[in-house]
Amino acid sequence: MSKVSVLVVDDATFIRDLVRKGLRNYFPGIHTEEAVNGRKAQVMLARESFDLILCDWEMPEMSGLELLAWCRQQEGPLKTVPFIMVTSRGDKENVVQAIQAGVSDFVGKPFTNEQLLTKVKKALAKVGKLDAVMSSAGAPSRMNMALNDSLSALTGGKAEVVRPAAPAAAPAAPQPARAAAQAPSQQPAGRGQGQLRLPNGSQSCVIKALTLKEGLLVVRRGDVLPQILDSAVLDLEQGEDNEVARLNGYVHAIVAFEQKPDSEWLQVTFRFVDQDAKKLDYLSRLIARGTAQKHFVPGA
């Protein structure tokens, strides 16, 4: 059995795979287990010891914050086990809340491989486990694998990401009639606004269509470019109360919004990975509100 064991807790399969692959690529001898929410993780933690917990915040049945509070209430190793919150919640009040509950550190979504590994190495060093995992056979001596090159992480570095700088090479998504190209010099029509947070920066976007599974976004081509399979967070703020939903997901497809190779606008299909009931409820209300106000078109 491995000398170092890590529990990855997230309701999104894509995120769990991303974290697990990132850890195993850097620490070949590391042992990882997965849980889809805090409740499942609680059961696993009651019967098995782990050296580190990497946990999402918003999950169905039991949140990451609830799991953290439970761990710190236990006697023995769980009271002090390193607990890193991997979350899109970076607001001051959320950070303070987690610190008061006993969190060890944070990794903000979306994250790069360097950011993830830096936090993991720091946590393992504090409990004297870093040397053990670094001495595993074949452990790499460098730390520059970029997690924003998500496809490389998921395939063990055997594939290259298709960058939108060459739209013809990116996998094409079906072109719904509602997203017909606009005049080259004009911003795409549509008033549904959002913020797409990518591993290499943030970018404002126009929401052209929205379903419970994905959003069809339009972004300006600039310094911050999305990549196929990038993990990302879509911040949506709508309504009089300025409600904000932070939806975790990944870039599924990118095509030129205009029918020309130097298109100023890119159309991005963003797939949601959250299974949290509160987020899905918010998204349902957002779709209904945006449809009524003609902010965007609901998907079929």
Protein backbone atom coordinates (compact mmCIF):
# COMPACT_ATOMS: atom_id res chain seq x y z
CA MET A 1 0.00 0.00 0.00
CA SER A 2 1.21 3.53 -0.77
CA LYS A 3 2.82 5.54 1.99
CA VAL A 4 0.62 8.56 1.19
CA SER A 5 -3.15 8.44 0.68
CA VAL A 6 -5.36 11.30 -0.56
CA LEU A 7 -9.16 11.57 -0.61
CA VAL A 8 -10.64 13.67 -3.44
CA VAL A 9 -14.20 14.83 -2.77
CA ASP A 10 -16.24 16.50 -5.52
CA ASP A 11 -19.65 15.90 -7.05
CA ALA A 12 -18.24 16.50 -10.54
CA THR A 13 -16.57 13.50 -12.19
CA PHE A 14 -14.58 15.76 -14.50
CA ILE A 15 -13.03 17.67 -11.58
CA ARG A 16 -12.23 14.49 -9.65
CA ASP A 17 -10.51 13.04 -12.72
CA LEU A 18 -8.59 16.25 -13.27
CA VAL A 19 -7.29 16.36 -9.68
CA ARG A 20 -6.54 12.64 -9.58
CA LYS A 21 -4.62 12.68 -12.87
CA GLY A 22 -2.68 15.77 -11.80
CA LEU A 23 -1.61 14.12 -8.55
CA ARG A 24 -0.73 10.76 -10.08
CA ASN A 25 1.25 12.35 -12.91
CA TYR A 26 3.42 14.21 -10.41
CA PHE A 27 3.42 11.64 -7.58
CA PRO A 28 3.30 8.21 -9.32
CA GLY A 29 3.29 6.36 -6.00
CA ILE A 30 0.43 8.29 -4.43
CA HIS A 31 -2.81 6.49 -3.50
CA THR A 32 -6.07 8.33 -4.24
CA GLU A 33 -9.68 7.59 -3.37
CA GLU A 34 -12.79 9.47 -4.50
CA ALA A 35 -16.12 10.48 -3.00
CA VAL A 36 -19.02 12.19 -4.79
CA ASN A 37 -20.10 14.28 -1.79
CA GLY A 38 -19.45 14.94 1.87
CA ARG A 39 -21.75 12.16 3.05
CA LYS A 40 -19.89 9.50 1.06
CA ALA A 41 -16.58 10.94 2.20
CA GLN A 42 -17.73 10.79 5.82
CA VAL A 43 -18.35 7.05 5.52
CA MET A 44 -14.94 6.49 3.94
CA LEU A 45 -13.14 8.60 6.55
CA ALA A 46 -14.79 6.65 9.35
CA ARG A 47 -13.25 3.39 8.15
CA GLU A 48 -9.99 4.46 6.47
CA SER A 49 -7.17 6.89 7.25
CA PHE A 50 -6.03 9.53 4.77
CA ASP A 51 -3.03 11.85 4.81
CA LEU A 52 -4.79 14.64 2.91
CA ILE A 53 -8.33 15.64 1.91
CA LEU A 54 -9.02 17.72 -1.21
CA CYS A 55 -12.67 18.76 -1.07
CA ASP A 56 -15.19 20.82 -3.03
CA TRP A 57 -17.45 23.22 -1.11
CA GLU A 58 -20.84 22.97 -2.79
CA MET A 59 -22.08 19.38 -3.04
CA PRO A 60 -25.41 17.59 -2.56
CA GLU A 61 -26.27 15.81 0.72
CA MET A 62 -23.30 17.22 2.64
CA SER A 63 -21.20 20.25 1.71
CA GLY A 64 -17.45 20.53 2.02
CA LEU A 65 -17.83 22.96 4.91
CA GLU A 66 -20.05 20.49 6.78
CA LEU A 67 -17.56 17.71 6.17
CA LEU A 68 -14.74 19.92 7.42
CA ALA A 69 -16.65 20.78 10.60
CA TRP A 70 -17.36 17.08 11.20
CA CYS A 71 -13.69 16.17 10.75
CA ARG A 72 -12.54 18.78 13.24
CA GLN A 73 -15.04 17.51 15.82
CA GLN A 74 -13.58 14.00 15.74
CA GLU A 75 -10.88 12.68 18.03
CA GLY A 76 -7.68 11.34 16.53
CA PRO A 77 -6.14 11.97 13.05
CA LEU A 78 -9.27 13.55 11.54
CA LYS A 79 -9.01 16.46 13.93
CA THR A 80 -5.74 17.57 12.36
CA VAL A 81 -5.64 15.94 8.90
CA PRO A 82 -4.75 18.53 6.22
CA PHE A 83 -8.01 19.64 4.59
CA ILE A 84 -7.73 21.70 1.42
CA MET A 85 -10.91 23.28 0.06
CA VAL A 86 -10.99 23.21 -3.75
CA THR A 87 -13.71 25.70 -4.55
CA SER A 88 -14.98 28.55 -6.68
CA ARG A 89 -16.04 30.34 -3.49
CA GLY A 90 -13.36 32.95 -2.94
CA ASP A 91 -15.42 35.66 -1.24
CA LYS A 92 -14.02 37.02 2.00
CA GLU A 93 -16.96 35.81 4.10
CA ASN A 94 -16.61 32.26 2.73
CA VAL A 95 -12.87 32.23 3.38
CA VAL A 96 -13.37 33.44 6.95
CA GLN A 97 -16.09 30.83 7.49
CA ALA A 98 -13.82 28.01 6.33
CA ILE A 99 -10.86 29.25 8.38
CA GLN A 100 -13.02 29.34 11.48
CA ALA A 101 -14.08 25.75 10.75
CA GLY A 102 -10.44 24.65 10.60
CA VAL A 103 -9.54 24.52 6.90
CA SER A 104 -5.84 24.06 6.12
CA ASP A 105 -5.69 25.82 2.76
CA PHE A 106 -7.60 26.80 -0.39
CA VAL A 107 -7.29 26.06 -4.10
CA GLY A 108 -9.52 28.31 -6.17
CA LYS A 109 -11.41 27.00 -9.19
CA PRO A 110 -10.33 27.11 -11.92
CA PHE A 111 -6.74 26.27 -11.02
CA THR A 112 -3.48 25.41 -12.72
CA ASN A 113 -1.52 22.26 -12.01
CA GLU A 114 1.22 24.34 -10.41
CA GLN A 115 -1.28 25.92 -8.00
CA LEU A 116 -2.73 22.53 -7.04
CA LEU A 117 0.64 20.84 -6.54
CA THR A 118 2.07 23.78 -4.59
CA LYS A 119 -0.76 23.51 -2.06
CA VAL A 120 -0.51 19.71 -1.88
CA LYS A 121 3.25 19.77 -1.34
CA LYS A 122 2.89 22.44 1.33
CA ALA A 123 0.24 20.42 3.17
CA LEU A 124 2.18 17.16 2.99
CA ALA A 125 5.37 18.87 4.14
CA LYS A 126 3.61 20.13 7.27
CA VAL A 127 2.70 16.60 8.32
CA GLY A 128 6.05 15.08 7.31
CA LYS A 129 4.68 13.10 4.36
CA LEU A 130 6.27 14.96 1.45
CA ASP A 131 9.57 13.07 1.46
CA ALA A 132 7.71 9.77 1.44
CA VAL A 133 5.66 10.60 -1.63
CA MET A 134 8.54 12.31 -3.46
CA SER A 135 10.75 9.24 -2.96
CA SER A 136 8.27 7.05 -4.83
CA ALA A 137 9.74 5.38 -7.88
CA GLY A 138 9.65 7.62 -10.91
CA ALA A 139 8.55 10.79 -9.10
CA PRO A 140 9.34 13.76 -11.38
CA SER A 141 11.75 16.48 -10.36
CA ARG A 142 9.86 19.34 -11.93
CA MET A 143 6.57 21.03 -11.26
CA ASN A 144 5.57 22.77 -14.46
CA MET A 145 2.75 20.58 -15.77
CA ALA A 146 -0.02 23.07 -16.54
CA LEU A 147 -3.45 21.94 -15.47
CA ASN A 148 -4.97 24.49 -17.83
CA ASP A 149 -3.65 22.06 -20.45
CA SER A 150 -6.47 19.87 -19.20
CA LEU A 151 -6.43 17.35 -22.02
CA SER A 152 -2.77 16.64 -21.37
CA ALA A 153 -3.51 16.06 -17.69
CA LEU A 154 -6.39 13.73 -18.44
CA THR A 155 -4.45 11.66 -20.97
CA GLY A 156 -1.15 11.48 -19.13
CA GLY A 157 0.54 14.02 -21.37
CA LYS A 158 -0.06 12.03 -24.55
CA ALA A 159 -2.20 14.57 -26.36
CA GLU A 160 -2.04 18.21 -27.31
CA VAL A 161 -4.77 20.74 -26.72
CA VAL A 162 -6.30 22.26 -29.82
CA ARG A 163 -6.10 26.00 -29.33
CA PRO A 164 -8.82 28.33 -30.61
CA ALA A 165 -6.21 30.52 -32.29
CA ALA A 166 -6.71 28.10 -35.16
CA PRO A 167 -10.52 27.70 -35.12
CA ALA A 168 -10.54 25.24 -37.98
CA ALA A 169 -8.61 22.73 -35.87
CA ALA A 170 -10.97 22.91 -32.87
CA PRO A 171 -13.79 20.35 -32.68
CA ALA A 172 -16.81 21.93 -34.23
CA ALA A 173 -20.06 22.16 -32.32
CA PRO A 174 -23.43 22.07 -34.08
CA GLN A 175 -24.45 25.55 -35.10
CA PRO A 176 -27.99 26.26 -33.84
CA ALA A 177 -29.99 28.76 -35.82
CA ARG A 178 -30.30 30.99 -32.75
CA ALA A 179 -26.55 31.63 -32.79
CA ALA A 180 -26.23 32.85 -36.39
CA ALA A 181 -23.17 35.02 -37.05
CA GLN A 182 -23.54 38.77 -36.62
CA ALA A 183 -21.93 41.59 -38.53
CA PRO A 184 -18.13 41.42 -38.03
CA SER A 185 -17.83 44.86 -36.46
CA GLN A 186 -20.70 44.46 -34.01
CA GLN A 187 -20.86 42.82 -30.61
CA PRO A 188 -23.07 39.73 -30.74
CA ALA A 189 -26.67 40.42 -29.85
CA GLY A 190 -27.87 39.27 -26.47
CA ARG A 191 -28.06 40.85 -23.03
CA GLY A 192 -27.37 37.88 -20.80
CA GLN A 193 -24.00 38.62 -19.30
CA GLY A 194 -21.55 36.46 -17.40
CA GLN A 195 -17.94 36.13 -16.37
CA LEU A 196 -15.92 33.12 -17.51
CA ARG A 197 -13.04 32.38 -15.15
CA LEU A 198 -10.32 30.36 -16.86
CA PRO A 199 -7.01 29.04 -15.49
CA ASN A 200 -5.14 31.82 -17.31
CA GLY A 201 -7.52 34.71 -16.52
CA SER A 202 -11.10 35.93 -16.64
CA GLN A 203 -13.21 37.07 -19.57
CA SER A 204 -16.61 38.67 -19.89
CA CYS A 205 -19.06 36.78 -22.06
CA VAL A 206 -22.48 37.08 -23.65
CA ILE A 207 -24.90 34.23 -22.96
CA LYS A 208 -26.59 33.22 -26.20
CA ALA A 209 -28.40 30.14 -24.90
CA LEU A 210 -28.70 28.28 -21.63
CA THR A 211 -29.82 24.81 -20.53
CA LEU A 212 -29.35 22.78 -17.36
CA LYS A 213 -26.47 20.97 -19.06
CA GLU A 214 -24.57 23.71 -20.86
CA GLY A 215 -24.33 27.33 -21.85
CA LEU A 216 -23.61 28.74 -25.28
CA LEU A 217 -21.33 31.73 -24.74
CA VAL A 218 -19.72 34.32 -26.96
CA VAL A 219 -16.37 35.82 -25.96
CA ARG A 220 -14.07 38.33 -27.60
CA ARG A 221 -10.87 36.90 -28.96
CA GLY A 222 -8.03 38.43 -26.96
CA ASP A 223 -5.10 37.70 -24.67
CA VAL A 224 -7.14 35.33 -22.51
CA LEU A 225 -8.24 32.46 -24.73
CA PRO A 226 -10.18 29.39 -23.62
CA GLN A 227 -8.83 25.97 -24.54
CA ILE A 228 -10.69 22.76 -25.23
CA LEU A 229 -11.27 20.88 -21.95
CA ASP A 230 -10.20 23.82 -19.81
CA SER A 231 -11.75 23.56 -16.37
CA ALA A 232 -13.49 26.87 -15.67
CA VAL A 233 -16.09 28.67 -13.59
CA LEU A 234 -18.98 30.61 -15.06
CA ASP A 235 -20.20 33.40 -12.80
CA LEU A 236 -23.80 34.32 -13.57
CA GLU A 237 -25.49 37.33 -11.96
CA GLN A 238 -29.09 38.04 -12.74
CA GLY A 239 -32.18 39.54 -11.16
CA GLU A 240 -32.95 42.45 -8.87
CA ASP A 241 -31.22 40.79 -5.92
CA ASN A 242 -28.03 40.36 -7.96
CA GLU A 243 -27.90 36.66 -7.21
CA VAL A 244 -24.65 35.05 -8.27
CA ALA A 245 -24.22 31.41 -9.23
CA ARG A 246 -20.73 30.01 -9.62
CA LEU A 247 -21.11 27.10 -12.02
CA ASN A 248 -18.19 24.72 -12.41
CA GLY A 249 -17.59 23.12 -15.76
CA TYR A 250 -15.29 22.81 -18.72
CA VAL A 251 -14.89 24.14 -22.25
CA HIS A 252 -16.48 21.53 -24.49
CA ALA A 253 -16.16 23.19 -27.91
CA ILE A 254 -14.98 26.40 -29.54
CA VAL A 255 -15.83 27.72 -33.00
CA ALA A 256 -15.45 31.04 -34.76
CA PHE A 257 -18.60 33.10 -34.26
CA GLU A 258 -18.14 34.73 -37.66
CA GLN A 259 -17.53 32.83 -40.87
CA LYS A 260 -13.94 33.97 -41.32
CA PRO A 261 -10.55 32.82 -39.97
CA ASP A 262 -9.82 36.10 -38.14
CA SER A 263 -13.16 36.24 -36.37
CA GLU A 264 -13.10 38.74 -33.51
CA TRP A 265 -15.64 36.65 -31.57
CA LEU A 266 -15.55 33.03 -30.46
CA GLN A 267 -18.53 30.85 -29.62
CA VAL A 268 -17.85 28.64 -26.60
CA THR A 269 -19.90 25.65 -25.50
CA PHE A 270 -19.49 25.44 -21.73
CA ARG A 271 -20.60 22.16 -20.11
CA PHE A 272 -21.69 22.23 -16.47
CA VAL A 273 -20.41 19.55 -14.11
CA ASP A 274 -22.14 20.55 -10.86
CA GLN A 275 -24.78 18.24 -9.43
CA ASP A 276 -25.59 20.48 -6.47
CA ALA A 277 -29.39 20.85 -6.14
CA LYS A 278 -29.19 24.52 -5.13
CA LYS A 279 -27.17 25.41 -8.20
CA LEU A 280 -29.50 23.49 -10.51
CA ASP A 281 -32.49 25.24 -8.92
CA TYR A 282 -30.84 28.62 -9.42
CA LEU A 283 -30.00 27.72 -12.99
CA SER A 284 -33.63 26.72 -13.64
CA ARG A 285 -34.86 30.06 -12.29
CA LEU A 286 -32.22 31.88 -14.28
CA ILE A 287 -33.30 30.16 -17.49
CA ALA A 288 -36.95 31.04 -16.83
CA ARG A 289 -36.14 34.66 -15.97
CA GLY A 290 -33.75 35.16 -18.85
CA THR A 291 -36.23 33.64 -21.29
CA ALA A 292 -39.05 35.88 -20.09
CA GLN A 293 -36.86 38.97 -20.32
CA LYS A 294 -35.47 37.80 -23.67
CA HIS A 295 -31.89 37.92 -22.35
CA PHE A 296 -31.06 34.69 -24.11
CA VAL A 297 -32.65 31.68 -25.78
CA PRO A 298 -33.37 28.56 -23.73
CA GLY A 299 -31.90 25.41 -25.20
CA ALA A 300 -34.06 22.68 -26.61
